[in-house]
Amino acid sequence: MLSSQVEYDTIIPNNVSLSSDRRVLKALEKWHPGYIDWWKDLGPVGFQDMLVYLRTAINVDKDGWATFDYVKMPDYRWGIFLTPSDSDRRIDFGIHKGQPAWQEVPGEYRSELRRLIVTQGDTEPASVEQQRQLGKTCPSLYDLRNLFQINVEEGRHLWAMVYLLQAYFGRDGREEAEAMLERHSGDPDKPRILEAFNEETPDWLSYFMFTYFTDRDGKFQLASLAESGFDPLARSCRFMLTEEAHHMFVGETGVGRVVQRTCDLMNEYKIRSSAAEVEVRKYGGIDLPTVQKYLNFLFCISFFGRRFNFELSGSLPLAR
């Protein structure tokens, strides 16, 4: 779908022809104020009224798919973008292999698909909630912009899943969309679905490890969903992967910078023994044993906690 087919005449930029589907457009416009209230209440702390240099998706074409400009985050225009439809697409595996991809939800898989979409969608606002305090202690303006870029894109990924719920699951979908704004990361009464998204992200080493491991796990989850027999879900996740690459880049380069700084300080001050590594803290570095502890924890909750809980959530084999 070319940029000329992206609609900007509604508050929700999209390439799914919302203007011709009044039912879904009305449902999303009704959901929108609650989302903005959630963002203001549980989004990044202390920066809601500031202009931030952000990338905004405007197109699904690989050439010129985004624009960059200064925007206040509550005014960011979260859109709904699906990769182009392929009328000849077939299911590639499972007992339905070779059949046309599903354009509507198959009745026999309705509850499983809904749960799969809800579980994926629930992770997106959860990570924003986990990271909302980090702007107070950002190492640099570069890191601050990357943080906010990831935050708004996680918000857009939530919009992608909410669109699917509103467009294909009727009243059940509308109720699930509302519930995703009612659950909160770490809430004792209404926690997020996956335990990895109820953990705190209190500092930037946790954040870098989160974007290194949890977003990497999310990439593989999205890549799996991009092969779903339910074509709208597959097309949503293919575009989400375009943005997910940057999230992993932030984690990989962030962890790399931390380790490089530690090694530079160890060389500069002739710190050689593992027992003396903690001395690097005196010079503003993070000792390697502490880095290893953070790595162990985020690796475990990302690759085991998230995946195990995803399976327990009732997820459907993607095409059967």
C-alpha atoms as a PDB file:
ATOM      1  CA  MET A   1       0.000   0.000   0.000  1.00  0.00           C
ATOM      2  CA  LEU A   2       1.475   3.354  -1.048  1.00  0.00           C
ATOM      3  CA  SER A   3       1.609   6.515   1.037  1.00  0.00           C
ATOM      4  CA  SER A   4      -1.239   8.023  -1.026  1.00  0.00           C
ATOM      5  CA  GLN A   5      -3.484   5.337   0.456  1.00  0.00           C
ATOM      6  CA  VAL A   6      -2.747   6.259   4.051  1.00  0.00           C
ATOM      7  CA  GLU A   7      -5.647   8.152   5.614  1.00  0.00           C
ATOM      8  CA  TYR A   8      -5.013  11.289   7.634  1.00  0.00           C
ATOM      9  CA  ASP A   9      -8.555  12.640   7.802  1.00  0.00           C
ATOM     10  CA  THR A  10      -9.248  10.988  11.170  1.00  0.00           C
ATOM     11  CA  ILE A  11      -7.450  11.312  14.504  1.00  0.00           C
ATOM     12  CA  ILE A  12      -6.041   7.841  13.822  1.00  0.00           C
ATOM     13  CA  PRO A  13      -3.709   7.667  10.780  1.00  0.00           C
ATOM     14  CA  ASN A  14      -4.230   4.321   9.078  1.00  0.00           C
ATOM     15  CA  ASN A  15      -4.041   2.313   5.890  1.00  0.00           C
ATOM     16  CA  VAL A  16      -6.971   0.033   6.722  1.00  0.00           C
ATOM     17  CA  SER A  17      -9.715   2.313   5.313  1.00  0.00           C
ATOM     18  CA  LEU A  18     -11.190   3.287   8.660  1.00  0.00           C
ATOM     19  CA  SER A  19     -13.147   6.108   7.030  1.00  0.00           C
ATOM     20  CA  SER A  20     -15.248   3.529   5.213  1.00  0.00           C
ATOM     21  CA  ASP A  21     -15.777   1.356   8.285  1.00  0.00           C
ATOM     22  CA  ARG A  22     -17.752   3.586  10.620  1.00  0.00           C
ATOM     23  CA  ARG A  23     -18.324   0.866  13.187  1.00  0.00           C
ATOM     24  CA  VAL A  24     -14.634   0.246  13.820  1.00  0.00           C
ATOM     25  CA  LEU A  25     -13.740   3.935  13.521  1.00  0.00           C
ATOM     26  CA  LYS A  26     -16.370   4.851  16.106  1.00  0.00           C
ATOM     27  CA  ALA A  27     -15.136   2.115  18.464  1.00  0.00           C
ATOM     28  CA  LEU A  28     -11.525   3.266  18.171  1.00  0.00           C
ATOM     29  CA  GLU A  29     -12.444   6.925  18.612  1.00  0.00           C
ATOM     30  CA  LYS A  30     -14.336   5.951  21.761  1.00  0.00           C
ATOM     31  CA  TRP A  31     -11.277   4.040  23.028  1.00  0.00           C
ATOM     32  CA  HIS A  32      -8.871   6.881  22.174  1.00  0.00           C
ATOM     33  CA  PRO A  33      -9.593   9.225  25.159  1.00  0.00           C
ATOM     34  CA  GLY A  34      -9.035   6.394  27.622  1.00  0.00           C
ATOM     35  CA  TYR A  35      -5.713   5.658  25.956  1.00  0.00           C
ATOM     36  CA  ILE A  36      -4.637   9.300  26.222  1.00  0.00           C
ATOM     37  CA  ASP A  37      -5.634   9.350  29.896  1.00  0.00           C
ATOM     38  CA  TRP A  38      -3.595   6.173  30.443  1.00  0.00           C
ATOM     39  CA  TRP A  39      -0.605   7.728  28.653  1.00  0.00           C
ATOM     40  CA  LYS A  40      -0.743  10.883  30.765  1.00  0.00           C
ATOM     41  CA  ASP A  41      -1.169   8.928  33.998  1.00  0.00           C
ATOM     42  CA  LEU A  42       1.261   6.063  33.407  1.00  0.00           C
ATOM     43  CA  GLY A  43       3.437   7.173  30.500  1.00  0.00           C
ATOM     44  CA  PRO A  44       6.837   8.890  30.796  1.00  0.00           C
ATOM     45  CA  VAL A  45       7.009  11.022  33.937  1.00  0.00           C
ATOM     46  CA  GLY A  46       7.910  14.704  33.676  1.00  0.00           C
ATOM     47  CA  PHE A  47       8.097  15.121  29.897  1.00  0.00           C
ATOM     48  CA  GLN A  48       4.493  15.193  28.722  1.00  0.00           C
ATOM     49  CA  ASP A  49       4.519  18.918  27.867  1.00  0.00           C
ATOM     50  CA  MET A  50       7.936  18.974  26.208  1.00  0.00           C
ATOM     51  CA  LEU A  51       8.670  18.760  22.498  1.00  0.00           C
ATOM     52  CA  VAL A  52      10.530  15.550  21.705  1.00  0.00           C
ATOM     53  CA  TYR A  53      12.221  14.700  18.405  1.00  0.00           C
ATOM     54  CA  LEU A  54      10.403  11.531  17.336  1.00  0.00           C
ATOM     55  CA  ARG A  55       9.959   9.274  14.341  1.00  0.00           C
ATOM     56  CA  THR A  56       6.351   8.796  13.315  1.00  0.00           C
ATOM     57  CA  ALA A  57       5.246   6.024  10.959  1.00  0.00           C
ATOM     58  CA  ILE A  58       3.363   7.390   7.948  1.00  0.00           C
ATOM     59  CA  ASN A  59       3.602   4.617   5.398  1.00  0.00           C
ATOM     60  CA  VAL A  60       4.241   0.893   4.996  1.00  0.00           C
ATOM     61  CA  ASP A  61       6.571   1.268   2.031  1.00  0.00           C
ATOM     62  CA  LYS A  62      10.218   0.654   2.923  1.00  0.00           C
ATOM     63  CA  ASP A  63      11.187   3.926   1.220  1.00  0.00           C
ATOM     64  CA  GLY A  64      10.041   6.917   3.231  1.00  0.00           C
ATOM     65  CA  TRP A  65       7.940   5.031   5.767  1.00  0.00           C
ATOM     66  CA  ALA A  66       8.435   7.561   8.557  1.00  0.00           C
ATOM     67  CA  THR A  67       8.817  11.246   9.238  1.00  0.00           C
ATOM     68  CA  PHE A  68      10.879  12.961  11.974  1.00  0.00           C
ATOM     69  CA  ASP A  69       9.717  16.040  13.837  1.00  0.00           C
ATOM     70  CA  TYR A  70       9.328  17.623  17.252  1.00  0.00           C
ATOM     71  CA  VAL A  71       6.077  16.650  18.952  1.00  0.00           C
ATOM     72  CA  LYS A  72       4.628  16.521  22.439  1.00  0.00           C
ATOM     73  CA  MET A  73       4.161  12.874  23.272  1.00  0.00           C
ATOM     74  CA  PRO A  74       0.429  13.097  24.172  1.00  0.00           C
ATOM     75  CA  ASP A  75      -0.073  14.650  20.710  1.00  0.00           C
ATOM     76  CA  TYR A  76       1.792  11.860  18.932  1.00  0.00           C
ATOM     77  CA  ARG A  77      -0.423  10.378  16.217  1.00  0.00           C
ATOM     78  CA  TRP A  78      -0.447   6.668  16.863  1.00  0.00           C
ATOM     79  CA  GLY A  79      -1.533   4.938  13.674  1.00  0.00           C
ATOM     80  CA  ILE A  80      -2.660   1.550  12.423  1.00  0.00           C
ATOM     81  CA  PHE A  81      -0.494   0.138   9.649  1.00  0.00           C
ATOM     82  CA  LEU A  82      -0.647  -3.272   7.993  1.00  0.00           C
ATOM     83  CA  THR A  83       1.695  -4.477   5.287  1.00  0.00           C
ATOM     84  CA  PRO A  84       0.070  -4.845   1.856  1.00  0.00           C
ATOM     85  CA  SER A  85      -2.449  -7.616   1.397  1.00  0.00           C
ATOM     86  CA  ASP A  86      -1.584 -10.585  -0.810  1.00  0.00           C
ATOM     87  CA  SER A  87      -4.761 -12.077  -2.224  1.00  0.00           C
ATOM     88  CA  ASP A  88      -2.873 -15.264  -3.114  1.00  0.00           C
ATOM     89  CA  ARG A  89      -1.335 -15.818   0.321  1.00  0.00           C
ATOM     90  CA  ARG A  90      -1.638 -19.390   1.599  1.00  0.00           C
ATOM     91  CA  ILE A  91      -1.152 -20.889   5.029  1.00  0.00           C
ATOM     92  CA  ASP A  92       2.345 -22.333   5.097  1.00  0.00           C
ATOM     93  CA  PHE A  93       2.111 -25.042   7.752  1.00  0.00           C
ATOM     94  CA  GLY A  94      -0.134 -27.122   9.990  1.00  0.00           C
ATOM     95  CA  ILE A  95      -3.297 -29.017   9.160  1.00  0.00           C
ATOM     96  CA  HIS A  96      -4.526 -26.068   7.064  1.00  0.00           C
ATOM     97  CA  LYS A  97      -1.354 -25.874   4.979  1.00  0.00           C
ATOM     98  CA  GLY A  98      -2.047 -24.760   1.425  1.00  0.00           C
ATOM     99  CA  GLN A  99      -5.439 -23.247   2.199  1.00  0.00           C
ATOM    100  CA  PRO A 100      -6.049 -19.516   1.639  1.00  0.00           C
ATOM    101  CA  ALA A 101      -5.001 -17.383   4.599  1.00  0.00           C
ATOM    102  CA  TRP A 102      -7.947 -16.452   6.813  1.00  0.00           C
ATOM    103  CA  GLN A 103      -9.309 -12.946   6.248  1.00  0.00           C
ATOM    104  CA  GLU A 104     -11.881 -13.445   8.998  1.00  0.00           C
ATOM    105  CA  VAL A 105     -11.539 -15.215  12.335  1.00  0.00           C
ATOM    106  CA  PRO A 106     -12.339 -18.942  12.029  1.00  0.00           C
ATOM    107  CA  GLY A 107     -15.035 -19.804  14.539  1.00  0.00           C
ATOM    108  CA  GLU A 108     -13.203 -22.841  15.890  1.00  0.00           C
ATOM    109  CA  TYR A 109     -10.134 -20.728  16.749  1.00  0.00           C
ATOM    110  CA  ARG A 110     -11.876 -17.565  17.874  1.00  0.00           C
ATOM    111  CA  SER A 111     -11.099 -17.708  21.604  1.00  0.00           C
ATOM    112  CA  GLU A 112      -7.511 -18.863  21.065  1.00  0.00           C
ATOM    113  CA  LEU A 113      -6.773 -16.122  18.533  1.00  0.00           C
ATOM    114  CA  ARG A 114      -8.356 -13.486  20.741  1.00  0.00           C
ATOM    115  CA  ARG A 115      -6.245 -14.600  23.682  1.00  0.00           C
ATOM    116  CA  LEU A 116      -3.107 -14.579  21.555  1.00  0.00           C
ATOM    117  CA  ILE A 117      -3.768 -11.003  20.386  1.00  0.00           C
ATOM    118  CA  VAL A 118      -4.660  -9.827  23.891  1.00  0.00           C
ATOM    119  CA  THR A 119      -1.512 -11.338  25.386  1.00  0.00           C
ATOM    120  CA  GLN A 120       0.692  -9.716  22.743  1.00  0.00           C
ATOM    121  CA  GLY A 121      -1.121  -6.396  23.060  1.00  0.00           C
ATOM    122  CA  ASP A 122      -0.878  -6.408  26.851  1.00  0.00           C
ATOM    123  CA  THR A 123       2.923  -6.408  26.744  1.00  0.00           C
ATOM    124  CA  GLU A 124       3.090  -3.120  24.844  1.00  0.00           C
ATOM    125  CA  PRO A 125       1.656  -0.667  27.404  1.00  0.00           C
ATOM    126  CA  ALA A 126       3.238  -2.726  30.189  1.00  0.00           C
ATOM    127  CA  SER A 127       6.759  -1.863  29.051  1.00  0.00           C
ATOM    128  CA  VAL A 128       5.846   1.846  28.922  1.00  0.00           C
ATOM    129  CA  GLU A 129       4.646   1.604  32.521  1.00  0.00           C
ATOM    130  CA  GLN A 130       7.811  -0.212  33.577  1.00  0.00           C
ATOM    131  CA  GLN A 131      10.033   2.496  32.044  1.00  0.00           C
ATOM    132  CA  ARG A 132       8.058   5.609  32.983  1.00  0.00           C
ATOM    133  CA  GLN A 133      10.547   6.895  35.589  1.00  0.00           C
ATOM    134  CA  LEU A 134      13.721   6.468  33.535  1.00  0.00           C
ATOM    135  CA  GLY A 135      13.675   9.943  31.985  1.00  0.00           C
ATOM    136  CA  LYS A 136      14.684  11.350  35.382  1.00  0.00           C
ATOM    137  CA  THR A 137      18.077   9.619  35.265  1.00  0.00           C
ATOM    138  CA  CYS A 138      18.891   9.398  31.536  1.00  0.00           C
ATOM    139  CA  PRO A 139      22.643   9.226  30.767  1.00  0.00           C
ATOM    140  CA  SER A 140      22.329  11.554  27.751  1.00  0.00           C
ATOM    141  CA  LEU A 141      19.917  13.316  25.423  1.00  0.00           C
ATOM    142  CA  TYR A 142      20.590  10.526  22.918  1.00  0.00           C
ATOM    143  CA  ASP A 143      19.373   7.933  25.414  1.00  0.00           C
ATOM    144  CA  LEU A 144      16.352  10.035  26.350  1.00  0.00           C
ATOM    145  CA  ARG A 145      15.218  10.272  22.733  1.00  0.00           C
ATOM    146  CA  ASN A 146      15.681   6.544  22.237  1.00  0.00           C
ATOM    147  CA  LEU A 147      13.644   5.854  25.370  1.00  0.00           C
ATOM    148  CA  PHE A 148      10.744   8.002  24.227  1.00  0.00           C
ATOM    149  CA  GLN A 149      10.917   6.629  20.684  1.00  0.00           C
ATOM    150  CA  ILE A 150      10.514   3.123  22.015  1.00  0.00           C
ATOM    151  CA  ASN A 151       7.715   4.232  24.347  1.00  0.00           C
ATOM    152  CA  VAL A 152       5.585   5.777  21.588  1.00  0.00           C
ATOM    153  CA  GLU A 153       6.189   2.810  19.300  1.00  0.00           C
ATOM    154  CA  GLU A 154       5.122   0.379  21.991  1.00  0.00           C
ATOM    155  CA  GLY A 155       1.998   2.514  22.206  1.00  0.00           C
ATOM    156  CA  ARG A 156       1.479   2.141  18.477  1.00  0.00           C
ATOM    157  CA  HIS A 157       1.898  -1.604  18.740  1.00  0.00           C
ATOM    158  CA  LEU A 158      -0.901  -1.591  21.299  1.00  0.00           C
ATOM    159  CA  TRP A 159      -3.047   0.300  18.777  1.00  0.00           C
ATOM    160  CA  ALA A 160      -2.324  -2.410  16.195  1.00  0.00           C
ATOM    161  CA  MET A 161      -3.622  -5.143  18.500  1.00  0.00           C
ATOM    162  CA  VAL A 162      -6.599  -3.072  19.656  1.00  0.00           C
ATOM    163  CA  TYR A 163      -7.581  -2.515  16.024  1.00  0.00           C
ATOM    164  CA  LEU A 164      -7.672  -6.272  15.466  1.00  0.00           C
ATOM    165  CA  LEU A 165      -9.800  -6.760  18.565  1.00  0.00           C
ATOM    166  CA  GLN A 166     -12.212  -3.985  17.606  1.00  0.00           C
ATOM    167  CA  ALA A 167     -12.455  -4.990  13.945  1.00  0.00           C
ATOM    168  CA  TYR A 168     -12.756  -8.772  14.243  1.00  0.00           C
ATOM    169  CA  PHE A 169     -13.987  -9.746  17.706  1.00  0.00           C
ATOM    170  CA  GLY A 170     -17.095  -7.632  18.317  1.00  0.00           C
ATOM    171  CA  ARG A 171     -18.141  -6.912  21.887  1.00  0.00           C
ATOM    172  CA  ASP A 172     -15.581  -9.378  23.287  1.00  0.00           C
ATOM    173  CA  GLY A 173     -12.852  -7.440  21.488  1.00  0.00           C
ATOM    174  CA  ARG A 174     -14.085  -4.092  22.795  1.00  0.00           C
ATOM    175  CA  GLU A 175     -14.093  -5.411  26.348  1.00  0.00           C
ATOM    176  CA  GLU A 176     -10.585  -6.804  25.955  1.00  0.00           C
ATOM    177  CA  ALA A 177      -9.369  -3.457  24.581  1.00  0.00           C
ATOM    178  CA  GLU A 178     -10.751  -1.662  27.639  1.00  0.00           C
ATOM    179  CA  ALA A 179      -9.190  -4.228  29.972  1.00  0.00           C
ATOM    180  CA  MET A 180      -5.723  -3.550  28.564  1.00  0.00           C
ATOM    181  CA  LEU A 181      -5.980  -0.009  29.917  1.00  0.00           C
ATOM    182  CA  GLU A 182      -7.203  -1.273  33.296  1.00  0.00           C
ATOM    183  CA  ARG A 183      -4.349  -3.696  33.966  1.00  0.00           C
ATOM    184  CA  HIS A 184      -1.084  -2.098  35.093  1.00  0.00           C
ATOM    185  CA  SER A 185       2.443  -3.382  35.467  1.00  0.00           C
ATOM    186  CA  GLY A 186       3.016  -4.644  39.004  1.00  0.00           C
ATOM    187  CA  ASP A 187      -0.522  -3.873  40.152  1.00  0.00           C
ATOM    188  CA  PRO A 188      -1.351  -6.358  42.952  1.00  0.00           C
ATOM    189  CA  ASP A 189      -5.014  -6.521  41.934  1.00  0.00           C
ATOM    190  CA  LYS A 190      -4.854  -6.120  38.141  1.00  0.00           C
ATOM    191  CA  PRO A 191      -1.348  -7.040  36.983  1.00  0.00           C
ATOM    192  CA  ARG A 192      -0.207  -7.485  33.416  1.00  0.00           C
ATOM    193  CA  ILE A 193      -0.718 -10.955  31.941  1.00  0.00           C
ATOM    194  CA  LEU A 194       2.943 -11.979  31.634  1.00  0.00           C
ATOM    195  CA  GLU A 195       5.108 -11.889  34.741  1.00  0.00           C
ATOM    196  CA  ALA A 196       8.091 -10.435  32.856  1.00  0.00           C
ATOM    197  CA  PHE A 197       6.043  -7.258  32.466  1.00  0.00           C
ATOM    198  CA  ASN A 198       5.252  -6.946  36.161  1.00  0.00           C
ATOM    199  CA  GLU A 199       8.909  -6.580  37.127  1.00  0.00           C
ATOM    200  CA  GLU A 200      10.382  -3.151  37.806  1.00  0.00           C
ATOM    201  CA  THR A 201      12.789  -1.417  35.432  1.00  0.00           C
ATOM    202  CA  PRO A 202      14.335   0.946  37.998  1.00  0.00           C
ATOM    203  CA  ASP A 203      17.594   1.938  36.282  1.00  0.00           C
ATOM    204  CA  TRP A 204      19.245   2.168  32.896  1.00  0.00           C
ATOM    205  CA  LEU A 205      21.206  -1.055  33.105  1.00  0.00           C
ATOM    206  CA  SER A 206      17.883  -2.838  33.667  1.00  0.00           C
ATOM    207  CA  TYR A 207      16.476  -0.934  30.696  1.00  0.00           C
ATOM    208  CA  PHE A 208      19.351  -1.854  28.392  1.00  0.00           C
ATOM    209  CA  MET A 209      19.077  -5.490  29.426  1.00  0.00           C
ATOM    210  CA  PHE A 210      15.295  -5.328  28.923  1.00  0.00           C
ATOM    211  CA  THR A 211      15.623  -3.980  25.391  1.00  0.00           C
ATOM    212  CA  TYR A 212      18.418  -6.448  24.688  1.00  0.00           C
ATOM    213  CA  PHE A 213      16.626  -9.582  25.878  1.00  0.00           C
ATOM    214  CA  THR A 214      12.905  -8.903  26.268  1.00  0.00           C
ATOM    215  CA  ASP A 215      12.569  -6.998  23.000  1.00  0.00           C
ATOM    216  CA  ARG A 216      14.643  -9.684  21.300  1.00  0.00           C
ATOM    217  CA  ASP A 217      12.245 -12.300  22.586  1.00  0.00           C
ATOM    218  CA  GLY A 218       9.433 -10.022  21.406  1.00  0.00           C
ATOM    219  CA  LYS A 219      10.985  -9.957  17.956  1.00  0.00           C
ATOM    220  CA  PHE A 220      10.829 -13.732  17.689  1.00  0.00           C
ATOM    221  CA  GLN A 221       7.257 -13.712  19.003  1.00  0.00           C
ATOM    222  CA  LEU A 222       6.274 -11.115  16.380  1.00  0.00           C
ATOM    223  CA  ALA A 223       8.099 -13.058  13.686  1.00  0.00           C
ATOM    224  CA  SER A 224       6.024 -16.111  14.612  1.00  0.00           C
ATOM    225  CA  LEU A 225       2.791 -14.120  14.592  1.00  0.00           C
ATOM    226  CA  ALA A 226       3.776 -12.693  11.206  1.00  0.00           C
ATOM    227  CA  GLU A 227       3.337 -16.228   9.841  1.00  0.00           C
ATOM    228  CA  SER A 228      -0.140 -16.621  11.330  1.00  0.00           C
ATOM    229  CA  GLY A 229      -2.886 -18.122   9.225  1.00  0.00           C
ATOM    230  CA  PHE A 230      -5.042 -15.148  10.321  1.00  0.00           C
ATOM    231  CA  ASP A 231      -3.859 -12.690   7.695  1.00  0.00           C
ATOM    232  CA  PRO A 232      -4.661  -9.350   9.437  1.00  0.00           C
ATOM    233  CA  LEU A 233      -2.604 -10.458  12.440  1.00  0.00           C
ATOM    234  CA  ALA A 234       0.271 -11.509  10.204  1.00  0.00           C
ATOM    235  CA  ARG A 235       0.227  -8.205   8.328  1.00  0.00           C
ATOM    236  CA  SER A 236       0.099  -6.182  11.555  1.00  0.00           C
ATOM    237  CA  CYS A 237       3.112  -7.944  13.013  1.00  0.00           C
ATOM    238  CA  ARG A 238       5.197  -7.640   9.863  1.00  0.00           C
ATOM    239  CA  PHE A 239       5.012  -3.881  10.118  1.00  0.00           C
ATOM    240  CA  MET A 240       5.628  -3.936  13.871  1.00  0.00           C
ATOM    241  CA  LEU A 241       8.910  -5.733  13.177  1.00  0.00           C
ATOM    242  CA  THR A 242      10.038  -2.648  11.243  1.00  0.00           C
ATOM    243  CA  GLU A 243      10.002  -0.670  14.484  1.00  0.00           C
ATOM    244  CA  GLU A 244      11.143  -3.515  16.748  1.00  0.00           C
ATOM    245  CA  ALA A 245      14.577  -3.534  15.104  1.00  0.00           C
ATOM    246  CA  HIS A 246      15.376  -0.166  16.672  1.00  0.00           C
ATOM    247  CA  HIS A 247      14.335  -1.399  20.118  1.00  0.00           C
ATOM    248  CA  MET A 248      16.850  -4.234  19.946  1.00  0.00           C
ATOM    249  CA  PHE A 249      19.513  -1.842  18.644  1.00  0.00           C
ATOM    250  CA  VAL A 250      19.065   0.314  21.741  1.00  0.00           C
ATOM    251  CA  GLY A 251      19.554  -2.710  23.987  1.00  0.00           C
ATOM    252  CA  GLU A 252      22.537  -4.129  22.150  1.00  0.00           C
ATOM    253  CA  THR A 253      24.416  -0.842  21.903  1.00  0.00           C
ATOM    254  CA  GLY A 254      23.448   0.142  25.445  1.00  0.00           C
ATOM    255  CA  VAL A 255      24.820  -3.030  27.010  1.00  0.00           C
ATOM    256  CA  GLY A 256      27.885  -2.732  24.782  1.00  0.00           C
ATOM    257  CA  ARG A 257      28.563   0.811  25.955  1.00  0.00           C
ATOM    258  CA  VAL A 258      28.274  -0.181  29.615  1.00  0.00           C
ATOM    259  CA  VAL A 259      30.686  -3.098  29.233  1.00  0.00           C
ATOM    260  CA  GLN A 260      33.107  -1.063  27.118  1.00  0.00           C
ATOM    261  CA  ARG A 261      33.227   1.703  29.717  1.00  0.00           C
ATOM    262  CA  THR A 262      33.876  -0.830  32.473  1.00  0.00           C
ATOM    263  CA  CYS A 263      36.703  -2.454  30.508  1.00  0.00           C
ATOM    264  CA  ASP A 264      38.226   0.946  29.689  1.00  0.00           C
ATOM    265  CA  LEU A 265      38.247   1.892  33.373  1.00  0.00           C
ATOM    266  CA  MET A 266      39.730  -1.472  34.363  1.00  0.00           C
ATOM    267  CA  ASN A 267      42.551  -0.955  31.886  1.00  0.00           C
ATOM    268  CA  GLU A 268      43.079   2.666  32.883  1.00  0.00           C
ATOM    269  CA  TYR A 269      43.335   1.876  36.601  1.00  0.00           C
ATOM    270  CA  LYS A 270      45.048  -1.488  36.199  1.00  0.00           C
ATOM    271  CA  ILE A 271      42.197  -3.484  37.748  1.00  0.00           C
ATOM    272  CA  ARG A 272      42.947  -7.101  36.937  1.00  0.00           C
ATOM    273  CA  SER A 273      41.555  -9.545  39.511  1.00  0.00           C
ATOM    274  CA  SER A 274      37.883 -10.417  39.615  1.00  0.00           C
ATOM    275  CA  ALA A 275      37.894  -9.700  43.346  1.00  0.00           C
ATOM    276  CA  ALA A 276      38.967  -6.128  42.675  1.00  0.00           C
ATOM    277  CA  GLU A 277      36.476  -5.472  39.897  1.00  0.00           C
ATOM    278  CA  VAL A 278      34.093  -3.722  42.290  1.00  0.00           C
ATOM    279  CA  GLU A 279      36.699  -0.954  42.521  1.00  0.00           C
ATOM    280  CA  VAL A 280      35.570   0.222  39.117  1.00  0.00           C
ATOM    281  CA  ARG A 281      32.547   1.762  40.830  1.00  0.00           C
ATOM    282  CA  LYS A 282      34.811   4.370  42.410  1.00  0.00           C
ATOM    283  CA  TYR A 283      35.548   5.659  38.922  1.00  0.00           C
ATOM    284  CA  GLY A 284      31.961   5.774  37.686  1.00  0.00           C
ATOM    285  CA  GLY A 285      31.723   2.339  36.072  1.00  0.00           C
ATOM    286  CA  ILE A 286      29.595  -0.747  36.729  1.00  0.00           C
ATOM    287  CA  ASP A 287      31.587  -3.782  37.784  1.00  0.00           C
ATOM    288  CA  LEU A 288      31.283  -6.893  35.625  1.00  0.00           C
ATOM    289  CA  PRO A 289      29.797  -9.129  38.360  1.00  0.00           C
ATOM    290  CA  THR A 290      26.897  -6.674  38.669  1.00  0.00           C
ATOM    291  CA  VAL A 291      26.466  -6.598  34.898  1.00  0.00           C
ATOM    292  CA  GLN A 292      26.367 -10.403  34.955  1.00  0.00           C
ATOM    293  CA  LYS A 293      23.676 -10.415  37.661  1.00  0.00           C
ATOM    294  CA  TYR A 294      21.494  -8.075  35.634  1.00  0.00           C
ATOM    295  CA  LEU A 295      22.060 -10.194  32.535  1.00  0.00           C
ATOM    296  CA  ASN A 296      21.131 -13.407  34.340  1.00  0.00           C
ATOM    297  CA  PHE A 297      17.920 -11.933  35.730  1.00  0.00           C
ATOM    298  CA  LEU A 298      16.643 -10.284  32.528  1.00  0.00           C
ATOM    299  CA  PHE A 299      17.596 -13.312  30.442  1.00  0.00           C
ATOM    300  CA  CYS A 300      15.612 -15.614  32.688  1.00  0.00           C
ATOM    301  CA  ILE A 301      12.441 -13.536  32.946  1.00  0.00           C
ATOM    302  CA  SER A 302      12.535 -12.727  29.234  1.00  0.00           C
ATOM    303  CA  PHE A 303      13.178 -16.112  27.675  1.00  0.00           C
ATOM    304  CA  PHE A 304      11.592 -18.343  30.284  1.00  0.00           C
ATOM    305  CA  GLY A 305       9.032 -16.283  32.191  1.00  0.00           C
ATOM    306  CA  ARG A 306       7.573 -14.567  29.124  1.00  0.00           C
ATOM    307  CA  ARG A 307       7.511 -17.609  26.884  1.00  0.00           C
ATOM    308  CA  PHE A 308       6.222 -19.980  29.578  1.00  0.00           C
ATOM    309  CA  ASN A 309       3.454 -17.566  30.512  1.00  0.00           C
ATOM    310  CA  PHE A 310       2.617 -16.998  26.853  1.00  0.00           C
ATOM    311  CA  GLU A 311       2.073 -20.716  26.441  1.00  0.00           C
ATOM    312  CA  LEU A 312      -0.031 -20.841  29.600  1.00  0.00           C
ATOM    313  CA  SER A 313      -2.204 -17.982  28.310  1.00  0.00           C
ATOM    314  CA  GLY A 314      -3.922 -20.354  25.928  1.00  0.00           C
ATOM    315  CA  SER A 315      -2.027 -19.410  22.805  1.00  0.00           C
ATOM    316  CA  LEU A 316      -3.041 -21.045  19.583  1.00  0.00           C
ATOM    317  CA  PRO A 317      -0.580 -22.850  17.321  1.00  0.00           C
ATOM    318  CA  LEU A 318      -0.420 -20.216  14.637  1.00  0.00           C
ATOM    319  CA  ALA A 319      -2.201 -22.087  11.896  1.00  0.00           C
ATOM    320  CA  ARG A 320      -2.789 -25.587  13.262  1.00  0.00           C
END
